[in-house]
Amino acid sequence: MRDHNERLVLSLVRQHGSLAKSDIARMTGLSAQTVSVIMRELEDDRLLVRQAPLRGRIGQPSIPMALNPEGAFFIGLKIGRRSAELVLIDFLGNVRSMLQHSYRYPAPRETVEFALTGMTRMRGELTQAQDKRIAGLGIAMPFELWNWADTAGAPREIMDEWRHRDIRSDIQAQCDFPVYLQNDATSA
């Protein structure tokens, strides 16, 4: 239940930009104490940051909390028919780095090399603290890519390598964070 409530709080803060504990308690129906505990934990985890106090109301000033852009980082890899794109985003969804690799057709070995080399380059631009906050890599690629030989204008034997290759596992073996694979239509 705690994880659910944490996700709920993070979603509300993301949607509204910043919120005070009292606003979150009112919006969720959670007790003020529960919200206070959740917000403190999220702040301790550096997922939330305090904003300037809002004065002018009766009682203590309200302190809105916002998502910390440095709270988490995510990497995305999109494999397409003519190019692959690698992107690093922060917790607010801002693009921090983006690389693109164009090709005549997607070959598994070259695609994995691009992803690994690109991630090394992107991670080299981060501080050690930021690098430790990479939460995962999501890969989006077309369903049954090996059947796209004619569409991609690629040799069948090269495209057929996709049928027998587990690109998620290949990349996961080189990463210290989770790697997820999704059909590109589903991930969109």
Foldseek 3Di string as FASTA:
>chain_A
DLVVVLVVVQVVQLVVVWDFLVVSCVVPVNDSVSSVVSVVVCVVLVQKDWDDFADDDPDDTTIIIHGRQLSAKEWEWEDDAFKIKIFIGTPSRDTPDIDMDGDLGDFLVVSLVCVVVVVVVVLVVDDPSSSVRHAEYEYEYADLQLVCCVVSVHDSVRSCVVVVDDSLVVNVVVDPHHYYYDHNVVVD
